[in-house]
C-alpha atoms as a PDB file:
ATOM      1  CA  UNK A   1       0.078   0.088  -2.029  1.00  0.00           C
ATOM      2  CA  UNK A   2      -1.724   1.476   0.998  1.00  0.00           C
ATOM      3  CA  UNK A   3      -0.726   5.105   1.504  1.00  0.00           C
ATOM      4  CA  UNK A   4       1.256   5.430  -1.720  1.00  0.00           C
ATOM      5  CA  UNK A   5       0.161   7.241  -4.858  1.00  0.00           C
ATOM      6  CA  UNK A   6       0.047   5.425  -8.168  1.00  0.00           C
ATOM      7  CA  UNK A   7       0.263   7.740 -11.190  1.00  0.00           C
ATOM      8  CA  UNK A   8      -1.335   6.119 -14.242  1.00  0.00           C
ATOM      9  CA  UNK A   9      -0.737   8.895 -16.801  1.00  0.00           C
ATOM     10  CA  UNK A  10       1.395  12.013 -16.983  1.00  0.00           C
ATOM     11  CA  UNK A  11      -0.008  15.324 -18.217  1.00  0.00           C
ATOM     12  CA  UNK A  12       0.733  14.375 -21.831  1.00  0.00           C
ATOM     13  CA  UNK A  13      -1.431  13.706 -24.900  1.00  0.00           C
ATOM     14  CA  UNK A  14      -2.250  10.223 -26.243  1.00  0.00           C
ATOM     15  CA  UNK A  15      -0.851   8.298 -23.303  1.00  0.00           C
ATOM     16  CA  UNK A  16      -2.014   5.223 -21.408  1.00  0.00           C
ATOM     17  CA  UNK A  17      -0.859   3.525 -18.246  1.00  0.00           C
ATOM     18  CA  UNK A  18      -1.822   0.588 -16.067  1.00  0.00           C
ATOM     19  CA  UNK A  19      -0.922  -1.205 -12.867  1.00  0.00           C
ATOM     20  CA  UNK A  20      -2.225  -4.610 -11.765  1.00  0.00           C
ATOM     21  CA  UNK A  21      -1.583  -6.867  -8.801  1.00  0.00           C
ATOM     22  CA  UNK A  22       0.487  -9.835  -9.949  1.00  0.00           C
ATOM     23  CA  UNK A  23      -1.665 -12.518  -8.300  1.00  0.00           C
ATOM     24  CA  UNK A  24      -5.165 -13.103  -9.694  1.00  0.00           C
ATOM     25  CA  UNK A  25      -8.197 -13.317  -7.410  1.00  0.00           C
ATOM     26  CA  UNK A  26     -10.799 -16.078  -7.523  1.00  0.00           C
ATOM     27  CA  UNK A  27     -13.227 -14.648  -4.970  1.00  0.00           C
ATOM     28  CA  UNK A  28     -16.831 -13.831  -5.829  1.00  0.00           C
ATOM     29  CA  UNK A  29     -17.003 -11.094  -3.176  1.00  0.00           C
ATOM     30  CA  UNK A  30     -14.624  -8.143  -3.517  1.00  0.00           C
ATOM     31  CA  UNK A  31     -14.521  -4.755  -1.746  1.00  0.00           C
ATOM     32  CA  UNK A  32     -12.303  -2.015  -3.135  1.00  0.00           C
ATOM     33  CA  UNK A  33     -11.809   1.611  -2.189  1.00  0.00           C
ATOM     34  CA  UNK A  34      -9.389   4.215  -3.474  1.00  0.00           C
ATOM     35  CA  UNK A  35      -8.933   7.952  -3.788  1.00  0.00           C
ATOM     36  CA  UNK A  36      -9.007   9.143  -7.412  1.00  0.00           C
ATOM     37  CA  UNK A  37      -7.292  12.375  -8.434  1.00  0.00           C
ATOM     38  CA  UNK A  38      -7.633  13.806 -11.952  1.00  0.00           C
ATOM     39  CA  UNK A  39      -5.760  17.091 -12.334  1.00  0.00           C
ATOM     40  CA  UNK A  40      -3.044  19.069 -14.058  1.00  0.00           C
ATOM     41  CA  UNK A  41      -4.387  19.274 -17.592  1.00  0.00           C
ATOM     42  CA  UNK A  42      -7.490  20.315 -19.455  1.00  0.00           C
ATOM     43  CA  UNK A  43      -9.852  17.406 -18.877  1.00  0.00           C
ATOM     44  CA  UNK A  44      -8.917  14.263 -20.741  1.00  0.00           C
ATOM     45  CA  UNK A  45      -9.821  11.438 -20.573  1.00  0.00           C
ATOM     46  CA  UNK A  46     -10.152   9.251 -17.470  1.00  0.00           C
ATOM     47  CA  UNK A  47      -9.187   6.184 -15.483  1.00  0.00           C
ATOM     48  CA  UNK A  48     -10.586   2.783 -14.546  1.00  0.00           C
ATOM     49  CA  UNK A  49     -10.560   0.217 -11.798  1.00  0.00           C
ATOM     50  CA  UNK A  50     -10.341  -3.016 -13.806  1.00  0.00           C
ATOM     51  CA  UNK A  51     -11.140  -6.664 -13.141  1.00  0.00           C
ATOM     52  CA  UNK A  52      -9.155  -8.226 -16.010  1.00  0.00           C
ATOM     53  CA  UNK A  53      -9.877 -11.805 -17.060  1.00  0.00           C
ATOM     54  CA  UNK A  54      -6.743 -13.757 -16.048  1.00  0.00           C
ATOM     55  CA  UNK A  55      -7.316 -16.260 -18.894  1.00  0.00           C
ATOM     56  CA  UNK A  56      -6.854 -13.482 -21.478  1.00  0.00           C
ATOM     57  CA  UNK A  57      -4.725 -10.894 -19.651  1.00  0.00           C
ATOM     58  CA  UNK A  58      -1.484 -10.530 -17.750  1.00  0.00           C
ATOM     59  CA  UNK A  59      -0.505  -8.231 -14.879  1.00  0.00           C
ATOM     60  CA  UNK A  60       1.121  -6.002 -17.522  1.00  0.00           C
ATOM     61  CA  UNK A  61      -2.095  -5.560 -19.553  1.00  0.00           C
ATOM     62  CA  UNK A  62      -2.514  -2.151 -21.171  1.00  0.00           C
ATOM     63  CA  UNK A  63      -5.352  -0.934 -23.349  1.00  0.00           C
ATOM     64  CA  UNK A  64      -5.565   1.942 -25.771  1.00  0.00           C
ATOM     65  CA  UNK A  65      -5.156   5.626 -24.810  1.00  0.00           C
ATOM     66  CA  UNK A  66      -7.737   8.379 -25.257  1.00  0.00           C
ATOM     67  CA  UNK A  67     -11.399   7.521 -24.803  1.00  0.00           C
ATOM     68  CA  UNK A  68     -10.444   3.862 -24.154  1.00  0.00           C
ATOM     69  CA  UNK A  69      -9.020   5.062 -20.801  1.00  0.00           C
ATOM     70  CA  UNK A  70      -6.128   2.603 -20.996  1.00  0.00           C
ATOM     71  CA  UNK A  71      -8.726  -0.187 -20.640  1.00  0.00           C
ATOM     72  CA  UNK A  72     -10.065  -0.651 -24.197  1.00  0.00           C
ATOM     73  CA  UNK A  73      -8.601  -3.933 -25.444  1.00  0.00           C
ATOM     74  CA  UNK A  74      -8.411  -5.633 -22.047  1.00  0.00           C
ATOM     75  CA  UNK A  75     -10.908  -8.450 -21.518  1.00  0.00           C
ATOM     76  CA  UNK A  76     -12.879  -7.890 -18.339  1.00  0.00           C
ATOM     77  CA  UNK A  77     -15.097  -5.466 -16.493  1.00  0.00           C
ATOM     78  CA  UNK A  78     -14.083  -1.988 -15.363  1.00  0.00           C
ATOM     79  CA  UNK A  79     -15.426   0.878 -13.329  1.00  0.00           C
ATOM     80  CA  UNK A  80     -14.657   3.928 -15.476  1.00  0.00           C
ATOM     81  CA  UNK A  81     -14.224   7.516 -14.309  1.00  0.00           C
ATOM     82  CA  UNK A  82     -14.563   9.668 -17.420  1.00  0.00           C
ATOM     83  CA  UNK A  83     -13.777  13.392 -17.766  1.00  0.00           C
ATOM     84  CA  UNK A  84     -14.148  13.781 -21.528  1.00  0.00           C
ATOM     85  CA  UNK A  85     -17.343  13.156 -23.523  1.00  0.00           C
ATOM     86  CA  UNK A  86     -17.441  10.349 -26.084  1.00  0.00           C
ATOM     87  CA  UNK A  87     -19.935   9.036 -28.610  1.00  0.00           C
ATOM     88  CA  UNK A  88     -21.039   6.283 -26.218  1.00  0.00           C
ATOM     89  CA  UNK A  89     -21.148   8.449 -23.047  1.00  0.00           C
ATOM     90  CA  UNK A  90     -21.553  12.142 -23.744  1.00  0.00           C
ATOM     91  CA  UNK A  91     -20.834  13.382 -20.203  1.00  0.00           C
ATOM     92  CA  UNK A  92     -17.677  15.265 -19.255  1.00  0.00           C
ATOM     93  CA  UNK A  93     -18.018  13.949 -15.709  1.00  0.00           C
ATOM     94  CA  UNK A  94     -19.333  10.418 -15.286  1.00  0.00           C
ATOM     95  CA  UNK A  95     -18.664   7.106 -13.619  1.00  0.00           C
ATOM     96  CA  UNK A  96     -19.961   3.711 -14.645  1.00  0.00           C
ATOM     97  CA  UNK A  97     -19.291   0.113 -15.580  1.00  0.00           C
ATOM     98  CA  UNK A  98     -17.765  -0.764 -18.941  1.00  0.00           C
ATOM     99  CA  UNK A  99     -17.525  -4.253 -20.410  1.00  0.00           C
ATOM    100  CA  UNK A 100     -15.380  -3.926 -23.523  1.00  0.00           C
ATOM    101  CA  UNK A 101     -15.385  -2.241 -26.918  1.00  0.00           C
ATOM    102  CA  UNK A 102     -18.058  -2.019 -29.616  1.00  0.00           C
ATOM    103  CA  UNK A 103     -17.360  -2.653 -33.329  1.00  0.00           C
ATOM    104  CA  UNK A 104     -16.160   0.938 -33.753  1.00  0.00           C
ATOM    105  CA  UNK A 105     -13.695   0.776 -30.846  1.00  0.00           C
ATOM    106  CA  UNK A 106     -15.816   2.730 -28.341  1.00  0.00           C
ATOM    107  CA  UNK A 107     -16.271   1.661 -24.728  1.00  0.00           C
ATOM    108  CA  UNK A 108     -19.468  -0.280 -24.051  1.00  0.00           C
ATOM    109  CA  UNK A 109     -21.133   1.300 -21.010  1.00  0.00           C
ATOM    110  CA  UNK A 110     -23.358  -1.155 -19.149  1.00  0.00           C
ATOM    111  CA  UNK A 111     -24.458   1.591 -16.727  1.00  0.00           C
ATOM    112  CA  UNK A 112     -23.269   5.115 -15.980  1.00  0.00           C
ATOM    113  CA  UNK A 113     -24.113   8.140 -13.868  1.00  0.00           C
ATOM    114  CA  UNK A 114     -23.244  11.798 -14.148  1.00  0.00           C
ATOM    115  CA  UNK A 115     -24.984  12.630 -10.860  1.00  0.00           C
ATOM    116  CA  UNK A 116     -21.660  12.707  -9.039  1.00  0.00           C
ATOM    117  CA  UNK A 117     -19.267  15.307  -7.631  1.00  0.00           C
ATOM    118  CA  UNK A 118     -16.753  16.721 -10.072  1.00  0.00           C
ATOM    119  CA  UNK A 119     -14.034  14.150 -10.747  1.00  0.00           C
ATOM    120  CA  UNK A 120     -11.567  16.970 -11.386  1.00  0.00           C
ATOM    121  CA  UNK A 121      -9.491  17.685  -9.403  1.00  0.00           C
ATOM    122  CA  UNK A 122     -10.498  15.309  -6.615  1.00  0.00           C
ATOM    123  CA  UNK A 123      -9.691  13.523  -4.533  1.00  0.00           C
ATOM    124  CA  UNK A 124     -12.871  11.480  -4.642  1.00  0.00           C
ATOM    125  CA  UNK A 125     -13.249   8.347  -2.558  1.00  0.00           C
ATOM    126  CA  UNK A 126     -14.458   5.587  -4.893  1.00  0.00           C
ATOM    127  CA  UNK A 127     -15.822   2.311  -3.572  1.00  0.00           C
ATOM    128  CA  UNK A 128     -16.596  -0.807  -5.594  1.00  0.00           C
ATOM    129  CA  UNK A 129     -18.481  -3.684  -4.006  1.00  0.00           C
ATOM    130  CA  UNK A 130     -18.976  -7.000  -5.811  1.00  0.00           C
ATOM    131  CA  UNK A 131     -21.247  -9.636  -4.280  1.00  0.00           C
ATOM    132  CA  UNK A 132     -21.379 -12.659  -6.564  1.00  0.00           C
ATOM    133  CA  UNK A 133     -22.874 -11.057  -9.711  1.00  0.00           C
ATOM    134  CA  UNK A 134     -23.938  -7.698  -8.240  1.00  0.00           C
ATOM    135  CA  UNK A 135     -21.563  -4.750  -8.593  1.00  0.00           C
ATOM    136  CA  UNK A 136     -22.206  -1.361  -6.982  1.00  0.00           C
ATOM    137  CA  UNK A 137     -20.185   1.836  -7.279  1.00  0.00           C
ATOM    138  CA  UNK A 138     -19.958   4.487  -4.559  1.00  0.00           C
ATOM    139  CA  UNK A 139     -18.482   7.993  -4.682  1.00  0.00           C
ATOM    140  CA  UNK A 140     -17.741   9.864  -1.445  1.00  0.00           C
ATOM    141  CA  UNK A 141     -20.054   7.577   0.529  1.00  0.00           C
ATOM    142  CA  UNK A 142     -23.037   7.617  -1.866  1.00  0.00           C
ATOM    143  CA  UNK A 143     -24.081   4.784  -4.172  1.00  0.00           C
ATOM    144  CA  UNK A 144     -24.138   6.145  -7.726  1.00  0.00           C
ATOM    145  CA  UNK A 145     -24.834   3.058  -9.855  1.00  0.00           C
ATOM    146  CA  UNK A 146     -25.197  -0.695  -9.736  1.00  0.00           C
ATOM    147  CA  UNK A 147     -25.497  -3.529 -12.231  1.00  0.00           C
ATOM    148  CA  UNK A 148     -24.987  -7.246 -12.637  1.00  0.00           C
ATOM    149  CA  UNK A 149     -21.696  -8.612 -13.924  1.00  0.00           C
ATOM    150  CA  UNK A 150     -20.247 -12.003 -14.710  1.00  0.00           C
ATOM    151  CA  UNK A 151     -16.757 -12.328 -13.297  1.00  0.00           C
ATOM    152  CA  UNK A 152     -14.375 -14.847 -14.864  1.00  0.00           C
ATOM    153  CA  UNK A 153     -13.066 -17.724 -12.711  1.00  0.00           C
ATOM    154  CA  UNK A 154      -9.938 -15.673 -11.940  1.00  0.00           C
ATOM    155  CA  UNK A 155      -9.106 -12.013 -12.560  1.00  0.00           C
ATOM    156  CA  UNK A 156      -6.395  -9.449 -12.009  1.00  0.00           C
ATOM    157  CA  UNK A 157      -7.336  -6.291 -10.145  1.00  0.00           C
ATOM    158  CA  UNK A 158      -5.767  -3.036 -11.185  1.00  0.00           C
ATOM    159  CA  UNK A 159      -6.080   0.426 -12.621  1.00  0.00           C
ATOM    160  CA  UNK A 160      -5.743   1.976 -16.070  1.00  0.00           C
ATOM    161  CA  UNK A 161      -5.719   5.548 -17.311  1.00  0.00           C
ATOM    162  CA  UNK A 162      -5.726   7.275 -20.649  1.00  0.00           C
ATOM    163  CA  UNK A 163      -5.360  10.670 -22.282  1.00  0.00           C
ATOM    164  CA  UNK A 164      -6.161  11.748 -25.833  1.00  0.00           C
ATOM    165  CA  UNK A 165      -5.801  15.218 -27.317  1.00  0.00           C
ATOM    166  CA  UNK A 166      -6.827  16.619 -23.932  1.00  0.00           C
ATOM    167  CA  UNK A 167      -4.667  15.766 -20.949  1.00  0.00           C
ATOM    168  CA  UNK A 168      -4.636  15.211 -17.196  1.00  0.00           C
ATOM    169  CA  UNK A 169      -2.594  13.402 -14.602  1.00  0.00           C
ATOM    170  CA  UNK A 170      -4.597  10.352 -13.472  1.00  0.00           C
ATOM    171  CA  UNK A 171      -3.637   8.872 -10.129  1.00  0.00           C
ATOM    172  CA  UNK A 172      -5.012   6.718  -7.327  1.00  0.00           C
ATOM    173  CA  UNK A 173      -3.982   6.433  -3.695  1.00  0.00           C
ATOM    174  CA  UNK A 174      -5.086   4.832  -0.438  1.00  0.00           C
ATOM    175  CA  UNK A 175      -6.047   1.637  -2.275  1.00  0.00           C
ATOM    176  CA  UNK A 176      -7.780  -0.955  -0.113  1.00  0.00           C
ATOM    177  CA  UNK A 177      -8.787  -4.369  -1.519  1.00  0.00           C
ATOM    178  CA  UNK A 178     -10.408  -7.209   0.371  1.00  0.00           C
ATOM    179  CA  UNK A 179     -11.922 -10.424  -0.931  1.00  0.00           C
ATOM    180  CA  UNK A 180     -13.490 -13.521   0.499  1.00  0.00           C
END
């Protein structure tokens, strides 16, 4: 994956895509970095870096399109890059940690920040550091948010993306993952 570009969604409405490594991780410490590019459309909706619970998911897991960012419906924790406002995060440019869906099908944001560079068009270097139960998110070398998480005993690492009525091409490249 290093050096290649992974396109999660085309510039088309109501689409979702995902890509996961086929072997789950069991480490409590994980470092991830990738370049995120969101371009080609008119701003919808976003992408995630996902830690999917291996007990409930497979390497072919795919969530709902639109504001679910291709993640909604997957059990696990995700770092979401959102470029379209929703009822649970009203920013058109935010990054944060999501932990699932609420009763109305909206992403549950544990923490988010809109004090970041524009996600469109990118590229933006995104870093995710997990140390036991502490997760921090970095954009272009600056920490933008942190929170505590509970990782499952094993999890798949991957990416999801989703478009709704508004569109964009969501892609990642230069993916680096290390765990201990």
